[in-house]
Protein backbone atom coordinates (compact mmCIF):
# COMPACT_ATOMS: atom_id res chain seq x y z
CA MET A 1 -36.03 -68.59 -22.68
CA GLY A 2 -38.78 -69.05 -20.11
CA ARG A 3 -36.28 -68.57 -17.32
CA THR A 4 -35.06 -65.28 -18.89
CA SER A 5 -38.57 -63.88 -19.09
CA SER A 6 -39.19 -65.01 -15.53
CA LEU A 7 -36.02 -63.24 -14.36
CA ALA A 8 -37.09 -60.07 -16.21
CA LYS A 9 -40.46 -60.16 -14.48
CA LEU A 10 -38.74 -60.71 -11.16
CA VAL A 11 -36.42 -57.75 -11.78
CA GLN A 12 -39.41 -55.56 -12.68
CA GLN A 13 -41.26 -56.61 -9.56
CA GLY A 14 -38.14 -56.06 -7.43
CA THR A 15 -37.71 -52.58 -8.89
CA ASN A 16 -41.30 -51.70 -8.03
CA VAL A 17 -40.84 -53.02 -4.49
CA LEU A 18 -37.59 -51.07 -4.14
CA ALA A 19 -39.32 -47.87 -5.35
CA ARG A 20 -42.14 -48.34 -2.86
CA SER A 21 -39.71 -49.03 -0.02
CA ALA A 22 -37.29 -46.17 -0.86
CA ALA A 23 -38.90 -43.93 1.72
CA GLY A 24 -38.99 -46.70 4.34
CA PRO A 25 -36.56 -47.57 7.11
CA ALA A 26 -33.94 -48.79 4.62
CA ALA A 27 -33.26 -45.19 3.51
CA GLN A 28 -32.35 -44.25 7.10
CA LEU A 29 -30.01 -47.17 7.81
CA ALA A 30 -27.04 -46.47 10.10
CA SER A 31 -23.49 -47.71 9.77
CA ASP A 32 -24.04 -50.77 12.03
CA ALA A 33 -27.06 -51.83 9.97
CA SER A 34 -25.00 -51.36 6.79
CA SER A 35 -22.28 -53.71 8.05
CA SER A 36 -24.84 -56.34 9.04
CA CYS A 37 -26.48 -56.01 5.63
CA SER A 38 -23.10 -56.52 3.97
CA ALA A 39 -22.63 -59.74 5.95
CA ARG A 40 -26.12 -60.94 5.05
CA ALA A 41 -25.55 -60.04 1.41
CA SER A 42 -22.33 -62.03 1.41
CA ILE A 43 -24.18 -65.03 2.87
CA VAL A 44 -26.88 -64.66 0.22
CA VAL A 45 -24.25 -64.53 -2.52
CA GLN A 46 -22.48 -67.62 -1.18
CA ASN A 47 -25.74 -69.58 -0.96
CA PHE A 48 -26.75 -68.46 -4.41
CA GLN A 49 -23.33 -69.43 -5.79
CA ARG A 50 -23.67 -72.91 -4.28
CA ARG A 51 -27.10 -73.34 -5.87
CA GLU A 52 -26.53 -71.49 -9.11
CA GLY A 53 -22.76 -71.89 -9.57
CA SER A 54 -22.93 -72.16 -13.35
CA SER A 55 -25.00 -68.96 -13.80
CA LEU A 56 -22.79 -66.83 -11.53
CA THR A 57 -19.43 -67.75 -13.07
CA THR A 58 -19.76 -64.86 -15.56
CA THR A 59 -20.21 -62.19 -12.82
CA SER A 60 -17.34 -59.70 -12.84
CA HIS A 61 -14.98 -59.10 -9.93
CA ASP A 62 -16.31 -55.52 -9.65
CA SER A 63 -19.86 -56.77 -9.06
CA VAL A 64 -18.79 -59.18 -6.31
CA SER A 65 -16.67 -56.54 -4.62
CA ALA A 66 -19.52 -54.05 -4.91
CA VAL A 67 -21.85 -56.44 -3.10
CA THR A 68 -19.42 -56.86 -0.23
CA LYS A 69 -19.22 -53.11 0.37
CA SER A 70 -21.52 -51.07 2.58
CA LEU A 71 -25.11 -51.22 1.33
CA LEU A 72 -27.78 -48.55 1.07
CA LEU A 73 -30.70 -50.90 1.79
CA ASP A 74 -31.66 -53.69 4.18
CA THR A 75 -31.35 -56.93 2.16
CA LEU A 76 -33.15 -59.07 4.73
CA SER A 77 -36.14 -56.74 4.85
CA LEU A 78 -36.15 -56.59 1.05
CA MET A 79 -36.12 -60.43 0.79
CA ARG A 80 -39.03 -60.62 3.20
CA ARG A 81 -40.94 -58.07 1.10
CA PHE A 82 -40.29 -60.16 -2.01
CA GLU A 83 -41.53 -63.25 -0.16
CA LYS A 84 -44.64 -61.34 0.93
CA ILE A 85 -45.58 -60.55 -2.69
CA GLY A 86 -45.46 -64.25 -3.59
CA LEU A 87 -41.89 -64.98 -4.61
CA THR A 88 -40.04 -68.05 -3.42
CA ARG A 89 -37.05 -67.78 -1.12
CA ALA A 90 -34.63 -68.55 -3.94
CA GLN A 91 -36.24 -65.96 -6.20
CA SER A 92 -36.21 -63.41 -3.37
CA GLU A 93 -32.54 -64.06 -2.70
CA GLN A 94 -31.76 -63.76 -6.43
CA MET A 95 -33.73 -60.51 -6.79
CA THR A 96 -32.14 -59.10 -3.63
CA GLU A 97 -28.66 -59.98 -4.87
CA MET A 98 -29.29 -58.45 -8.31
CA LEU A 99 -30.77 -55.25 -6.90
CA THR A 100 -27.94 -55.04 -4.37
CA GLU A 101 -25.40 -55.29 -7.19
CA VAL A 102 -27.20 -52.58 -9.18
CA VAL A 103 -27.42 -50.23 -6.19
CA CYS A 104 -23.78 -50.78 -5.21
CA LEU A 105 -22.52 -50.33 -8.78
CA ASN A 106 -24.54 -47.13 -9.09
CA LYS A 107 -23.07 -45.98 -5.79
CA GLU A 108 -19.55 -46.62 -7.08
CA LYS A 109 -20.23 -44.77 -10.34
CA ILE A 110 -21.76 -41.85 -8.45
CA SER A 111 -18.80 -41.78 -6.05
CA GLN A 112 -16.44 -41.68 -9.05
CA GLN A 113 -18.31 -38.74 -10.58
CA PHE A 114 -18.64 -36.68 -7.41
CA VAL A 115 -16.09 -35.67 -4.83
CA THR A 116 -16.28 -37.15 -1.38
CA LYS A 117 -16.89 -35.16 1.77
CA GLN A 118 -13.41 -35.97 3.07
CA ALA A 119 -11.79 -34.85 -0.18
CA LEU A 120 -13.90 -31.68 -0.16
CA GLU A 121 -12.93 -30.97 3.45
CA MET A 122 -9.28 -31.62 2.61
CA ALA A 123 -9.54 -29.29 -0.40
CA ILE A 124 -11.20 -26.64 1.78
CA LEU A 125 -8.50 -27.02 4.43
CA GLU A 126 -5.82 -26.83 1.75
CA GLN A 127 -7.37 -23.70 0.26
CA GLU A 128 -7.73 -22.17 3.72
CA SER A 129 -4.09 -23.02 4.40
CA ARG A 130 -3.08 -21.43 1.10
CA ILE A 131 -5.22 -18.37 1.83
CA ALA A 132 -3.73 -18.11 5.32
CA GLY A 133 -0.23 -18.46 3.86
CA PHE A 134 -1.04 -15.85 1.22
CA LYS A 135 -2.45 -13.53 3.88
CA GLY A 136 0.69 -14.08 5.96
CA GLU A 137 2.88 -13.33 2.95
CA VAL A 138 0.82 -10.22 2.15
CA ALA A 139 1.01 -9.06 5.78
CA LYS A 140 4.74 -9.74 5.87
CA SER A 141 5.20 -7.93 2.56
CA GLN A 142 3.18 -4.99 3.86
CA GLU A 143 5.23 -4.90 7.04
CA LEU A 144 8.46 -4.99 5.03
CA HIS A 145 7.12 -2.30 2.69
CA LEU A 146 6.04 -0.13 5.63
CA ALA A 147 9.41 -0.63 7.32
CA SER A 148 11.22 0.24 4.08
CA LEU A 149 8.93 3.24 3.59
CA SER A 150 9.57 4.37 7.16
CA ARG A 151 13.32 4.04 6.66
CA ASP A 152 13.15 5.96 3.38
CA THR A 153 10.98 8.63 4.99
CA GLU A 154 13.37 8.95 7.93
CA ARG A 155 16.34 9.09 5.58
CA LEU A 156 14.67 11.78 3.46
CA THR A 157 13.73 13.69 6.61
CA ASN A 158 17.32 13.59 7.83
CA SER A 159 18.54 14.67 4.39
CA LEU A 160 16.07 17.56 4.37
CA GLU A 161 17.09 18.61 7.88
CA LYS A 162 20.74 18.47 6.90
CA MET A 163 20.06 20.43 3.71
CA ARG A 164 18.02 22.97 5.68
CA ALA A 165 20.87 23.37 8.19
CA GLU A 166 23.39 23.82 5.36
CA ILE A 167 21.16 26.38 3.62
CA LYS A 168 20.65 28.23 6.90
CA TYR A 169 24.40 28.22 7.51
CA GLU A 170 25.08 29.55 4.01
CA VAL A 171 22.37 32.21 4.38
CA ASP A 172 23.75 33.28 7.75
CA LYS A 173 27.26 33.32 6.33
CA LEU A 174 26.13 35.37 3.34
CA SER A 175 24.17 37.71 5.59
CA ALA A 176 27.19 38.18 7.86
CA SER A 177 29.40 38.82 4.84
CA GLN A 178 26.89 41.28 3.45
CA ARG A 179 26.60 43.01 6.81
CA LEU A 180 30.38 43.20 7.06
CA ASP A 181 30.61 44.62 3.56
CA LEU A 182 27.86 47.09 4.34
CA ASN A 183 29.58 48.13 7.55
CA LEU A 184 32.87 48.55 5.72
CA GLU A 185 31.17 50.51 2.97
CA LYS A 186 29.40 52.67 5.53
CA GLY A 187 32.71 53.27 7.32
CA ARG A 188 34.42 54.16 4.07
CA MET A 189 31.62 56.51 3.08
CA ARG A 190 31.68 58.02 6.56
CA ASP A 191 35.43 58.58 6.26
CA GLU A 192 35.07 60.12 2.82
CA LEU A 193 32.25 62.33 4.05
CA GLN A 194 34.35 63.41 7.01
CA ALA A 195 37.25 64.14 4.69
CA LEU A 196 34.98 66.22 2.47
CA ARG A 197 33.63 68.00 5.51
CA ASP A 198 37.16 68.73 6.76
CA LYS A 199 38.21 69.95 3.35
CA SER A 200 35.13 72.16 3.17
CA ASN A 201 35.89 73.61 6.59
CA GLU A 202 39.48 74.19 5.56
CA MET A 203 38.37 75.96 2.41
CA GLU A 204 35.94 78.06 4.40
CA ILE A 205 38.70 79.02 6.81
CA LYS A 206 41.02 79.82 3.94
CA MET A 207 38.38 81.92 2.23
CA ASP A 208 37.68 83.74 5.45
CA ARG A 209 41.38 84.40 5.93
CA GLU A 210 41.82 85.65 2.39
CA THR A 211 38.71 87.77 2.69
CA ASN A 212 40.01 89.32 5.88
CA ALA A 213 43.38 89.94 4.25
CA LEU A 214 41.68 91.52 1.27
CA LYS A 215 39.60 93.71 3.57
CA ALA A 216 42.73 94.77 5.43
CA ALA A 217 44.48 95.60 2.15
CA VAL A 218 41.48 97.63 1.00
CA GLU A 219 41.38 99.50 4.29
CA GLN A 220 45.09 100.15 4.07
CA SER A 221 44.78 101.39 0.49
CA LYS A 222 41.89 103.60 1.50
CA ASN A 223 43.90 105.07 4.35
CA GLU A 224 46.85 105.70 2.08
CA VAL A 225 44.61 107.42 -0.49
CA LEU A 226 43.11 109.57 2.23
CA ARG A 227 46.54 110.49 3.54
CA TYR A 228 47.74 111.24 0.02
CA SER A 229 44.65 113.34 -0.67
CA LEU A 230 44.97 115.24 2.58
CA SER A 231 48.66 115.87 1.98
CA MET A 232 47.88 117.13 -1.54
CA ILE A 233 45.12 119.36 -0.24
CA LEU A 234 47.36 120.71 2.48
CA ALA A 235 50.16 121.25 -0.04
CA LEU A 236 47.80 123.07 -2.40
CA MET A 237 46.46 125.18 0.45
CA ALA A 238 49.99 126.04 1.53
CA ALA A 239 50.90 126.92 -2.03
CA GLY A 240 47.74 129.02 -2.37
CA LEU A 241 48.44 130.86 0.84
CA THR A 242 51.99 131.45 -0.27
CA ALA A 243 50.81 132.74 -3.61
CA ALA A 244 48.23 134.94 -1.94
CA ARG A 245 50.85 136.46 0.30
CA VAL A 246 53.10 137.09 -2.63
CA LEU A 247 50.35 138.74 -4.52
CA GLN A 248 49.45 140.95 -1.58
CA LYS A 249 52.88 142.31 -1.36
């Protein structure tokens, strides 16, 4: 029971020391210092297991493996700090080992809850690859759509040109037919008008001829009447003279 309370006090003191030293050189440890700390922590664990073999038999495999991984603090400097505050070497080693286990286990739990930088970079690269593929597909689809639209536009343009040519041909054909019909109709009307004009001239000539014949007949009748009248007058005068002579005798 006394040992448990002593360990609790040691843990409390180690936590205070760790909090005071969090902003120290241990927080800025490089990868080479981390590997050396892992080796020193392994040595500390082995020594502690040789001395306290019975008390460490209940430690889980995860705790031991966590200790052997890269550390976030300098275990040797931490042990020396514990020794400076009055702890024995064994107590310092025990406190350092316990705090190292706590820190490493917390690191593992935090790494399980949060994504790593490599995984994030891989996810970013994968998303960029997907976005690039999607952009390529969109660009390819746009090119295909533009090519199809260009072909459709060209086909419609050709169809419109062909239709325009056919309509122009039909209009020209209809215009030529209409002009031909109009020319034929004009020729027919011209012929009919000429025929009417000829007939009118013929009738005028005939009327003139009949009028002249009628005038000649009238003149002839007038001459005959005059001759008949003169002959009657002469006959009456001769008869009168004859009667006058007879009466005178």
